[in-house]
Amino acid sequence: SDLPVMEKACKFLDDMQVPFEVNAL
């Protein structure tokens, strides 16, 4: 349920070409 907020981080990291993981923990 936090993904709609965290998508902004994912997009920025993607734009910066920084590999990342996304996990629900």
mmCIF file of all heavy atoms, coordinates in Angstrom:
data_MODEL
# 
_entry.id   MODEL 
# 
loop_
_atom_site.group_PDB 
_atom_site.id 
_atom_site.type_symbol 
_atom_site.label_atom_id 
_atom_site.label_alt_id 
_atom_site.label_comp_id 
_atom_site.label_asym_id 
_atom_site.label_entity_id 
_atom_site.label_seq_id 
_atom_site.pdbx_PDB_ins_code 
_atom_site.Cartn_x 
_atom_site.Cartn_y 
_atom_site.Cartn_z 
_atom_site.occupancy 
_atom_site.B_iso_or_equiv 
_atom_site.pdbx_formal_charge 
_atom_site.auth_seq_id 
_atom_site.auth_comp_id 
_atom_site.auth_asym_id 
_atom_site.auth_atom_id 
_atom_site.pdbx_PDB_model_num 
ATOM 1   N N   . SER A 1 1  ? 0.828  -1.209 0.000   1.00 0.00 ? 1  SER A N   1 
ATOM 2   C CA  . SER A 1 1  ? 0.000  0.000  0.000   1.00 0.00 ? 1  SER A CA  1 
ATOM 3   C C   . SER A 1 1  ? 0.864  1.262  0.000   1.00 0.00 ? 1  SER A C   1 
ATOM 4   O O   . SER A 1 1  ? 0.381  2.357  -0.301  1.00 0.00 ? 1  SER A O   1 
ATOM 5   C CB  . SER A 1 1  ? -0.955 0.006  1.204   1.00 0.00 ? 1  SER A CB  1 
ATOM 6   O OG  . SER A 1 1  ? -0.225 0.090  2.419   1.00 0.00 ? 1  SER A OG  1 
ATOM 7   N N   . ASP A 1 2  ? 2.161  1.124  0.309   1.00 0.00 ? 2  ASP A N   1 
ATOM 8   C CA  . ASP A 1 2  ? 3.094  2.254  0.281   1.00 0.00 ? 2  ASP A CA  1 
ATOM 9   C C   . ASP A 1 2  ? 3.649  2.513  -1.119  1.00 0.00 ? 2  ASP A C   1 
ATOM 10  O O   . ASP A 1 2  ? 4.306  3.532  -1.343  1.00 0.00 ? 2  ASP A O   1 
ATOM 11  C CB  . ASP A 1 2  ? 4.273  2.005  1.235   1.00 0.00 ? 2  ASP A CB  1 
ATOM 12  C CG  . ASP A 1 2  ? 3.826  1.814  2.676   1.00 0.00 ? 2  ASP A CG  1 
ATOM 13  O OD1 . ASP A 1 2  ? 2.769  2.359  3.051   1.00 0.00 ? 2  ASP A OD1 1 
ATOM 14  O OD2 . ASP A 1 2  ? 4.541  1.113  3.421   1.00 0.00 ? 2  ASP A OD2 1 
ATOM 15  N N   . LEU A 1 3  ? 3.390  1.613  -2.064  1.00 0.00 ? 3  LEU A N   1 
ATOM 16  C CA  . LEU A 1 3  ? 3.978  1.730  -3.391  1.00 0.00 ? 3  LEU A CA  1 
ATOM 17  C C   . LEU A 1 3  ? 3.610  3.020  -4.122  1.00 0.00 ? 3  LEU A C   1 
ATOM 18  O O   . LEU A 1 3  ? 4.485  3.619  -4.760  1.00 0.00 ? 3  LEU A O   1 
ATOM 19  C CB  . LEU A 1 3  ? 3.635  0.511  -4.250  1.00 0.00 ? 3  LEU A CB  1 
ATOM 20  C CG  . LEU A 1 3  ? 4.307  0.452  -5.626  1.00 0.00 ? 3  LEU A CG  1 
ATOM 21  C CD1 . LEU A 1 3  ? 5.831  0.521  -5.492  1.00 0.00 ? 3  LEU A CD1 1 
ATOM 22  C CD2 . LEU A 1 3  ? 3.894  -0.816 -6.359  1.00 0.00 ? 3  LEU A CD2 1 
ATOM 23  N N   . PRO A 1 4  ? 2.372  3.510  -4.048  1.00 0.00 ? 4  PRO A N   1 
ATOM 24  C CA  . PRO A 1 4  ? 2.089  4.766  -4.752  1.00 0.00 ? 4  PRO A CA  1 
ATOM 25  C C   . PRO A 1 4  ? 2.995  5.925  -4.314  1.00 0.00 ? 4  PRO A C   1 
ATOM 26  O O   . PRO A 1 4  ? 3.362  6.759  -5.134  1.00 0.00 ? 4  PRO A O   1 
ATOM 27  C CB  . PRO A 1 4  ? 0.627  5.048  -4.405  1.00 0.00 ? 4  PRO A CB  1 
ATOM 28  C CG  . PRO A 1 4  ? 0.037  3.692  -4.163  1.00 0.00 ? 4  PRO A CG  1 
ATOM 29  C CD  . PRO A 1 4  ? 1.146  2.906  -3.495  1.00 0.00 ? 4  PRO A CD  1 
ATOM 30  N N   . VAL A 1 5  ? 3.397  5.951  -3.056  1.00 0.00 ? 5  VAL A N   1 
ATOM 31  C CA  . VAL A 1 5  ? 4.331  6.976  -2.586  1.00 0.00 ? 5  VAL A CA  1 
ATOM 32  C C   . VAL A 1 5  ? 5.740  6.638  -3.046  1.00 0.00 ? 5  VAL A C   1 
ATOM 33  O O   . VAL A 1 5  ? 6.475  7.494  -3.552  1.00 0.00 ? 5  VAL A O   1 
ATOM 34  C CB  . VAL A 1 5  ? 4.286  7.096  -1.041  1.00 0.00 ? 5  VAL A CB  1 
ATOM 35  C CG1 . VAL A 1 5  ? 5.409  7.983  -0.524  1.00 0.00 ? 5  VAL A CG1 1 
ATOM 36  C CG2 . VAL A 1 5  ? 2.928  7.628  -0.600  1.00 0.00 ? 5  VAL A CG2 1 
ATOM 37  N N   . MET A 1 6  ? 6.137  5.403  -2.904  1.00 0.00 ? 6  MET A N   1 
ATOM 38  C CA  . MET A 1 6  ? 7.511  4.992  -3.184  1.00 0.00 ? 6  MET A CA  1 
ATOM 39  C C   . MET A 1 6  ? 7.842  4.957  -4.675  1.00 0.00 ? 6  MET A C   1 
ATOM 40  O O   . MET A 1 6  ? 9.008  4.930  -5.048  1.00 0.00 ? 6  MET A O   1 
ATOM 41  C CB  . MET A 1 6  ? 7.799  3.642  -2.535  1.00 0.00 ? 6  MET A CB  1 
ATOM 42  C CG  . MET A 1 6  ? 7.775  3.698  -1.012  1.00 0.00 ? 6  MET A CG  1 
ATOM 43  S SD  . MET A 1 6  ? 8.811  5.025  -0.331  1.00 0.00 ? 6  MET A SD  1 
ATOM 44  C CE  . MET A 1 6  ? 10.420 4.449  -0.817  1.00 0.00 ? 6  MET A CE  1 
ATOM 45  N N   . GLU A 1 7  ? 6.818  4.984  -5.525  1.00 0.00 ? 7  GLU A N   1 
ATOM 46  C CA  . GLU A 1 7  ? 7.079  5.013  -6.968  1.00 0.00 ? 7  GLU A CA  1 
ATOM 47  C C   . GLU A 1 7  ? 7.919  6.217  -7.374  1.00 0.00 ? 7  GLU A C   1 
ATOM 48  O O   . GLU A 1 7  ? 8.710  6.137  -8.316  1.00 0.00 ? 7  GLU A O   1 
ATOM 49  C CB  . GLU A 1 7  ? 5.760  5.004  -7.747  1.00 0.00 ? 7  GLU A CB  1 
ATOM 50  C CG  . GLU A 1 7  ? 5.134  3.634  -7.797  1.00 0.00 ? 7  GLU A CG  1 
ATOM 51  C CD  . GLU A 1 7  ? 3.806  3.610  -8.527  1.00 0.00 ? 7  GLU A CD  1 
ATOM 52  O OE1 . GLU A 1 7  ? 3.064  4.618  -8.483  1.00 0.00 ? 7  GLU A OE1 1 
ATOM 53  O OE2 . GLU A 1 7  ? 3.519  2.562  -9.137  1.00 0.00 ? 7  GLU A OE2 1 
ATOM 54  N N   . LYS A 1 8  ? 7.791  7.320  -6.650  1.00 0.00 ? 8  LYS A N   1 
ATOM 55  C CA  . LYS A 1 8  ? 8.598  8.505  -6.968  1.00 0.00 ? 8  LYS A CA  1 
ATOM 56  C C   . LYS A 1 8  ? 10.083 8.223  -6.737  1.00 0.00 ? 8  LYS A C   1 
ATOM 57  O O   . LYS A 1 8  ? 10.935 8.687  -7.495  1.00 0.00 ? 8  LYS A O   1 
ATOM 58  C CB  . LYS A 1 8  ? 8.131  9.696  -6.144  1.00 0.00 ? 8  LYS A CB  1 
ATOM 59  C CG  . LYS A 1 8  ? 6.766  10.185 -6.559  1.00 0.00 ? 8  LYS A CG  1 
ATOM 60  C CD  . LYS A 1 8  ? 6.278  11.309 -5.690  1.00 0.00 ? 8  LYS A CD  1 
ATOM 61  C CE  . LYS A 1 8  ? 4.873  11.707 -6.127  1.00 0.00 ? 8  LYS A CE  1 
ATOM 62  N NZ  . LYS A 1 8  ? 4.150  12.380 -5.090  1.00 0.00 ? 8  LYS A NZ  1 
ATOM 63  N N   . ALA A 1 9  ? 10.389 7.468  -5.695  1.00 0.00 ? 9  ALA A N   1 
ATOM 64  C CA  . ALA A 1 9  ? 11.786 7.082  -5.454  1.00 0.00 ? 9  ALA A CA  1 
ATOM 65  C C   . ALA A 1 9  ? 12.254 6.140  -6.552  1.00 0.00 ? 9  ALA A C   1 
ATOM 66  O O   . ALA A 1 9  ? 13.362 6.295  -7.082  1.00 0.00 ? 9  ALA A O   1 
ATOM 67  C CB  . ALA A 1 9  ? 11.934 6.420  -4.084  1.00 0.00 ? 9  ALA A CB  1 
ATOM 68  N N   . CYS A 1 10 ? 11.424 5.175  -6.907  1.00 0.00 ? 10 CYS A N   1 
ATOM 69  C CA  . CYS A 1 10 ? 11.793 4.220  -7.952  1.00 0.00 ? 10 CYS A CA  1 
ATOM 70  C C   . CYS A 1 10 ? 12.053 4.942  -9.267  1.00 0.00 ? 10 CYS A C   1 
ATOM 71  O O   . CYS A 1 10 ? 13.041 4.656  -9.959  1.00 0.00 ? 10 CYS A O   1 
ATOM 72  C CB  . CYS A 1 10 ? 10.688 3.184  -8.132  1.00 0.00 ? 10 CYS A CB  1 
ATOM 73  S SG  . CYS A 1 10 ? 10.424 2.123  -6.701  1.00 0.00 ? 10 CYS A SG  1 
ATOM 74  N N   . LYS A 1 11 ? 11.205 5.876  -9.615  1.00 0.00 ? 11 LYS A N   1 
ATOM 75  C CA  . LYS A 1 11 ? 11.383 6.613  -10.871 1.00 0.00 ? 11 LYS A CA  1 
ATOM 76  C C   . LYS A 1 11 ? 12.674 7.411  -10.848 1.00 0.00 ? 11 LYS A C   1 
ATOM 77  O O   . LYS A 1 11 ? 13.421 7.415  -11.825 1.00 0.00 ? 11 LYS A O   1 
ATOM 78  C CB  . LYS A 1 11 ? 10.193 7.530  -11.135 1.00 0.00 ? 11 LYS A CB  1 
ATOM 79  C CG  . LYS A 1 11 ? 10.386 8.347  -12.403 1.00 0.00 ? 11 LYS A CG  1 
ATOM 80  C CD  . LYS A 1 11 ? 9.143  8.956  -12.931 1.00 0.00 ? 11 LYS A CD  1 
ATOM 81  C CE  . LYS A 1 11 ? 9.303  9.745  -14.205 1.00 0.00 ? 11 LYS A CE  1 
ATOM 82  N NZ  . LYS A 1 11 ? 10.553 9.767  -14.882 1.00 0.00 ? 11 LYS A NZ  1 
ATOM 83  N N   . PHE A 1 12 ? 12.960 8.091  -9.732  1.00 0.00 ? 12 PHE A N   1 
ATOM 84  C CA  . PHE A 1 12 ? 14.180 8.885  -9.664  1.00 0.00 ? 12 PHE A CA  1 
ATOM 85  C C   . PHE A 1 12 ? 15.412 7.989  -9.779  1.00 0.00 ? 12 PHE A C   1 
ATOM 86  O O   . PHE A 1 12 ? 16.345 8.302  -10.521 1.00 0.00 ? 12 PHE A O   1 
ATOM 87  C CB  . PHE A 1 12 ? 14.231 9.714  -8.377  1.00 0.00 ? 12 PHE A CB  1 
ATOM 88  C CG  . PHE A 1 12 ? 15.420 10.627 -8.349  1.00 0.00 ? 12 PHE A CG  1 
ATOM 89  C CD1 . PHE A 1 12 ? 15.400 11.828 -9.034  1.00 0.00 ? 12 PHE A CD1 1 
ATOM 90  C CD2 . PHE A 1 12 ? 16.575 10.274 -7.665  1.00 0.00 ? 12 PHE A CD2 1 
ATOM 91  C CE1 . PHE A 1 12 ? 16.508 12.663 -9.040  1.00 0.00 ? 12 PHE A CE1 1 
ATOM 92  C CE2 . PHE A 1 12 ? 17.692 11.092 -7.667  1.00 0.00 ? 12 PHE A CE2 1 
ATOM 93  C CZ  . PHE A 1 12 ? 17.659 12.297 -8.357  1.00 0.00 ? 12 PHE A CZ  1 
ATOM 94  N N   . LEU A 1 13 ? 15.429 6.887  -9.039  1.00 0.00 ? 13 LEU A N   1 
ATOM 95  C CA  . LEU A 1 13 ? 16.570 5.967  -9.109  1.00 0.00 ? 13 LEU A CA  1 
ATOM 96  C C   . LEU A 1 13 ? 16.736 5.423  -10.525 1.00 0.00 ? 13 LEU A C   1 
ATOM 97  O O   . LEU A 1 13 ? 17.851 5.302  -11.027 1.00 0.00 ? 13 LEU A O   1 
ATOM 98  C CB  . LEU A 1 13 ? 16.407 4.834  -8.095  1.00 0.00 ? 13 LEU A CB  1 
ATOM 99  C CG  . LEU A 1 13 ? 16.470 5.264  -6.633  1.00 0.00 ? 13 LEU A CG  1 
ATOM 100 C CD1 . LEU A 1 13 ? 16.039 4.115  -5.727  1.00 0.00 ? 13 LEU A CD1 1 
ATOM 101 C CD2 . LEU A 1 13 ? 17.854 5.769  -6.261  1.00 0.00 ? 13 LEU A CD2 1 
ATOM 102 N N   . ASP A 1 14 ? 15.627 5.113  -11.169 1.00 0.00 ? 14 ASP A N   1 
ATOM 103 C CA  . ASP A 1 14 ? 15.672 4.646  -12.549 1.00 0.00 ? 14 ASP A CA  1 
ATOM 104 C C   . ASP A 1 14 ? 16.250 5.726  -13.462 1.00 0.00 ? 14 ASP A C   1 
ATOM 105 O O   . ASP A 1 14 ? 17.113 5.445  -14.296 1.00 0.00 ? 14 ASP A O   1 
ATOM 106 C CB  . ASP A 1 14 ? 14.255 4.269  -12.996 1.00 0.00 ? 14 ASP A CB  1 
ATOM 107 C CG  . ASP A 1 14 ? 14.203 3.049  -13.872 1.00 0.00 ? 14 ASP A CG  1 
ATOM 108 O OD1 . ASP A 1 14 ? 14.928 2.076  -13.603 1.00 0.00 ? 14 ASP A OD1 1 
ATOM 109 O OD2 . ASP A 1 14 ? 13.423 3.077  -14.841 1.00 0.00 ? 14 ASP A OD2 1 
ATOM 110 N N   . ASP A 1 15 ? 15.775 6.967  -13.307 1.00 0.00 ? 15 ASP A N   1 
ATOM 111 C CA  . ASP A 1 15 ? 16.282 8.081  -14.116 1.00 0.00 ? 15 ASP A CA  1 
ATOM 112 C C   . ASP A 1 15 ? 17.780 8.296  -13.903 1.00 0.00 ? 15 ASP A C   1 
ATOM 113 O O   . ASP A 1 15 ? 18.497 8.675  -14.826 1.00 0.00 ? 15 ASP A O   1 
ATOM 114 C CB  . ASP A 1 15 ? 15.537 9.379  -13.784 1.00 0.00 ? 15 ASP A CB  1 
ATOM 115 C CG  . ASP A 1 15 ? 14.095 9.387  -14.268 1.00 0.00 ? 15 ASP A CG  1 
ATOM 116 O OD1 . ASP A 1 15 ? 13.717 8.500  -15.069 1.00 0.00 ? 15 ASP A OD1 1 
ATOM 117 O OD2 . ASP A 1 15 ? 13.338 10.270 -13.825 1.00 0.00 ? 15 ASP A OD2 1 
ATOM 118 N N   . MET A 1 16 ? 18.252 8.042  -12.697 1.00 0.00 ? 16 MET A N   1 
ATOM 119 C CA  . MET A 1 16 ? 19.673 8.220  -12.373 1.00 0.00 ? 16 MET A CA  1 
ATOM 120 C C   . MET A 1 16 ? 20.507 6.980  -12.731 1.00 0.00 ? 16 MET A C   1 
ATOM 121 O O   . MET A 1 16 ? 21.707 6.957  -12.514 1.00 0.00 ? 16 MET A O   1 
ATOM 122 C CB  . MET A 1 16 ? 19.856 8.527  -10.883 1.00 0.00 ? 16 MET A CB  1 
ATOM 123 C CG  . MET A 1 16 ? 19.348 9.887  -10.453 1.00 0.00 ? 16 MET A CG  1 
ATOM 124 S SD  . MET A 1 16 ? 20.356 11.236 -11.096 1.00 0.00 ? 16 MET A SD  1 
ATOM 125 C CE  . MET A 1 16 ? 19.202 11.945 -12.256 1.00 0.00 ? 16 MET A CE  1 
ATOM 126 N N   . GLN A 1 17 ? 19.841 5.955  -13.276 1.00 0.00 ? 17 GLN A N   1 
ATOM 127 C CA  . GLN A 1 17 ? 20.498 4.709  -13.677 1.00 0.00 ? 17 GLN A CA  1 
ATOM 128 C C   . GLN A 1 17 ? 21.176 4.015  -12.488 1.00 0.00 ? 17 GLN A C   1 
ATOM 129 O O   . GLN A 1 17 ? 22.270 3.454  -12.611 1.00 0.00 ? 17 GLN A O   1 
ATOM 130 C CB  . GLN A 1 17 ? 21.506 4.975  -14.800 1.00 0.00 ? 17 GLN A CB  1 
ATOM 131 C CG  . GLN A 1 17 ? 20.872 5.597  -16.017 1.00 0.00 ? 17 GLN A CG  1 
ATOM 132 C CD  . GLN A 1 17 ? 21.883 6.074  -17.040 1.00 0.00 ? 17 GLN A CD  1 
ATOM 133 O OE1 . GLN A 1 17 ? 22.983 5.548  -17.122 1.00 0.00 ? 17 GLN A OE1 1 
ATOM 134 N NE2 . GLN A 1 17 ? 21.508 7.067  -17.829 1.00 0.00 ? 17 GLN A NE2 1 
ATOM 135 N N   . VAL A 1 18 ? 20.491 4.046  -11.347 1.00 0.00 ? 18 VAL A N   1 
ATOM 136 C CA  . VAL A 1 18 ? 20.993 3.401  -10.134 1.00 0.00 ? 18 VAL A CA  1 
ATOM 137 C C   . VAL A 1 18 ? 20.196 2.112  -9.921  1.00 0.00 ? 18 VAL A C   1 
ATOM 138 O O   . VAL A 1 18 ? 18.971 2.164  -9.741  1.00 0.00 ? 18 VAL A O   1 
ATOM 139 C CB  . VAL A 1 18 ? 20.843 4.338  -8.907  1.00 0.00 ? 18 VAL A CB  1 
ATOM 140 C CG1 . VAL A 1 18 ? 21.165 3.606  -7.614  1.00 0.00 ? 18 VAL A CG1 1 
ATOM 141 C CG2 . VAL A 1 18 ? 21.699 5.582  -9.081  1.00 0.00 ? 18 VAL A CG2 1 
ATOM 142 N N   . PRO A 1 19 ? 20.846 0.956  -9.956  1.00 0.00 ? 19 PRO A N   1 
ATOM 143 C CA  . PRO A 1 19 ? 20.133 -0.308 -9.696  1.00 0.00 ? 19 PRO A CA  1 
ATOM 144 C C   . PRO A 1 19 ? 19.546 -0.311 -8.279  1.00 0.00 ? 19 PRO A C   1 
ATOM 145 O O   . PRO A 1 19 ? 20.167 0.195  -7.347  1.00 0.00 ? 19 PRO A O   1 
ATOM 146 C CB  . PRO A 1 19 ? 21.229 -1.368 -9.823  1.00 0.00 ? 19 PRO A CB  1 
ATOM 147 C CG  . PRO A 1 19 ? 22.334 -0.716 -10.598 1.00 0.00 ? 19 PRO A CG  1 
ATOM 148 C CD  . PRO A 1 19 ? 22.263 0.745  -10.246 1.00 0.00 ? 19 PRO A CD  1 
ATOM 149 N N   . PHE A 1 20 ? 18.345 -0.855 -8.146  1.00 0.00 ? 20 PHE A N   1 
ATOM 150 C CA  . PHE A 1 20 ? 17.687 -0.886 -6.836  1.00 0.00 ? 20 PHE A CA  1 
ATOM 151 C C   . PHE A 1 20 ? 16.749 -2.079 -6.734  1.00 0.00 ? 20 PHE A C   1 
ATOM 152 O O   . PHE A 1 20 ? 16.364 -2.667 -7.736  1.00 0.00 ? 20 PHE A O   1 
ATOM 153 C CB  . PHE A 1 20 ? 16.926 0.422  -6.578  1.00 0.00 ? 20 PHE A CB  1 
ATOM 154 C CG  . PHE A 1 20 ? 15.804 0.700  -7.551  1.00 0.00 ? 20 PHE A CG  1 
ATOM 155 C CD1 . PHE A 1 20 ? 14.497 0.351  -7.255  1.00 0.00 ? 20 PHE A CD1 1 
ATOM 156 C CD2 . PHE A 1 20 ? 16.056 1.317  -8.770  1.00 0.00 ? 20 PHE A CD2 1 
ATOM 157 C CE1 . PHE A 1 20 ? 13.465 0.605  -8.138  1.00 0.00 ? 20 PHE A CE1 1 
ATOM 158 C CE2 . PHE A 1 20 ? 15.044 1.576  -9.673  1.00 0.00 ? 20 PHE A CE2 1 
ATOM 159 C CZ  . PHE A 1 20 ? 13.734 1.226  -9.358  1.00 0.00 ? 20 PHE A CZ  1 
ATOM 160 N N   . GLU A 1 21 ? 16.412 -2.408 -5.502  1.00 0.00 ? 21 GLU A N   1 
ATOM 161 C CA  . GLU A 1 21 ? 15.425 -3.444 -5.207  1.00 0.00 ? 21 GLU A CA  1 
ATOM 162 C C   . GLU A 1 21 ? 14.185 -2.785 -4.627  1.00 0.00 ? 21 GLU A C   1 
ATOM 163 O O   . GLU A 1 21 ? 14.276 -1.721 -4.019  1.00 0.00 ? 21 GLU A O   1 
ATOM 164 C CB  . GLU A 1 21 ? 15.949 -4.404 -4.127  1.00 0.00 ? 21 GLU A CB  1 
ATOM 165 C CG  . GLU A 1 21 ? 17.138 -5.220 -4.504  1.00 0.00 ? 21 GLU A CG  1 
ATOM 166 C CD  . GLU A 1 21 ? 17.566 -6.157 -3.376  1.00 0.00 ? 21 GLU A CD  1 
ATOM 167 O OE1 . GLU A 1 21 ? 16.928 -6.187 -2.296  1.00 0.00 ? 21 GLU A OE1 1 
ATOM 168 O OE2 . GLU A 1 21 ? 18.563 -6.862 -3.580  1.00 0.00 ? 21 GLU A OE2 1 
ATOM 169 N N   . VAL A 1 22 ? 13.057 -3.436 -4.782  1.00 0.00 ? 22 VAL A N   1 
ATOM 170 C CA  . VAL A 1 22 ? 11.821 -3.015 -4.122  1.00 0.00 ? 22 VAL A CA  1 
ATOM 171 C C   . VAL A 1 22 ? 11.266 -4.235 -3.407  1.00 0.00 ? 22 VAL A C   1 
ATOM 172 O O   . VAL A 1 22 ? 11.056 -5.275 -4.023  1.00 0.00 ? 22 VAL A O   1 
ATOM 173 C CB  . VAL A 1 22 ? 10.780 -2.471 -5.126  1.00 0.00 ? 22 VAL A CB  1 
ATOM 174 C CG1 . VAL A 1 22 ? 9.502  -2.072 -4.410  1.00 0.00 ? 22 VAL A CG1 1 
ATOM 175 C CG2 . VAL A 1 22 ? 11.337 -1.300 -5.915  1.00 0.00 ? 22 VAL A CG2 1 
ATOM 176 N N   . ASN A 1 23 ? 11.067 -4.087 -2.090  1.00 0.00 ? 23 ASN A N   1 
ATOM 177 C CA  . ASN A 1 23 ? 10.557 -5.197 -1.280  1.00 0.00 ? 23 ASN A CA  1 
ATOM 178 C C   . ASN A 1 23 ? 9.467  -4.699 -0.349  1.00 0.00 ? 23 ASN A C   1 
ATOM 179 O O   . ASN A 1 23 ? 9.507  -3.552 0.106   1.00 0.00 ? 23 ASN A O   1 
ATOM 180 C CB  . ASN A 1 23 ? 11.687 -5.778 -0.408  1.00 0.00 ? 23 ASN A CB  1 
ATOM 181 C CG  . ASN A 1 23 ? 12.810 -6.341 -1.236  1.00 0.00 ? 23 ASN A CG  1 
ATOM 182 O OD1 . ASN A 1 23 ? 12.646 -7.341 -1.906  1.00 0.00 ? 23 ASN A OD1 1 
ATOM 183 N ND2 . ASN A 1 23 ? 13.955 -5.684 -1.198  1.00 0.00 ? 23 ASN A ND2 1 
ATOM 184 N N   . ALA A 1 24 ? 8.518  -5.562 -0.064  1.00 0.00 ? 24 ALA A N   1 
ATOM 185 C CA  . ALA A 1 24 ? 7.533  -5.312 0.991   1.00 0.00 ? 24 ALA A CA  1 
ATOM 186 C C   . ALA A 1 24 ? 7.952  -6.175 2.178   1.00 0.00 ? 24 ALA A C   1 
ATOM 187 O O   . ALA A 1 24 ? 7.956  -7.406 2.096   1.00 0.00 ? 24 ALA A O   1 
ATOM 188 C CB  . ALA A 1 24 ? 6.124  -5.681 0.526   1.00 0.00 ? 24 ALA A CB  1 
ATOM 189 N N   . LEU A 1 25 ? 8.363  -5.514 3.258   1.00 0.00 ? 25 LEU A N   1 
ATOM 190 C CA  . LEU A 1 25 ? 8.808  -6.198 4.473   1.00 0.00 ? 25 LEU A CA  1 
ATOM 191 C C   . LEU A 1 25 ? 8.179  -5.492 5.663   1.00 0.00 ? 25 LEU A C   1 
ATOM 192 O O   . LEU A 1 25 ? 8.289  -4.278 5.784   1.00 0.00 ? 25 LEU A O   1 
ATOM 193 C CB  . LEU A 1 25 ? 10.337 -6.137 4.597   1.00 0.00 ? 25 LEU A CB  1 
ATOM 194 C CG  . LEU A 1 25 ? 11.139 -6.806 3.488   1.00 0.00 ? 25 LEU A CG  1 
ATOM 195 C CD1 . LEU A 1 25 ? 12.595 -6.385 3.562   1.00 0.00 ? 25 LEU A CD1 1 
ATOM 196 C CD2 . LEU A 1 25 ? 11.003 -8.315 3.599   1.00 0.00 ? 25 LEU A CD2 1 
# 
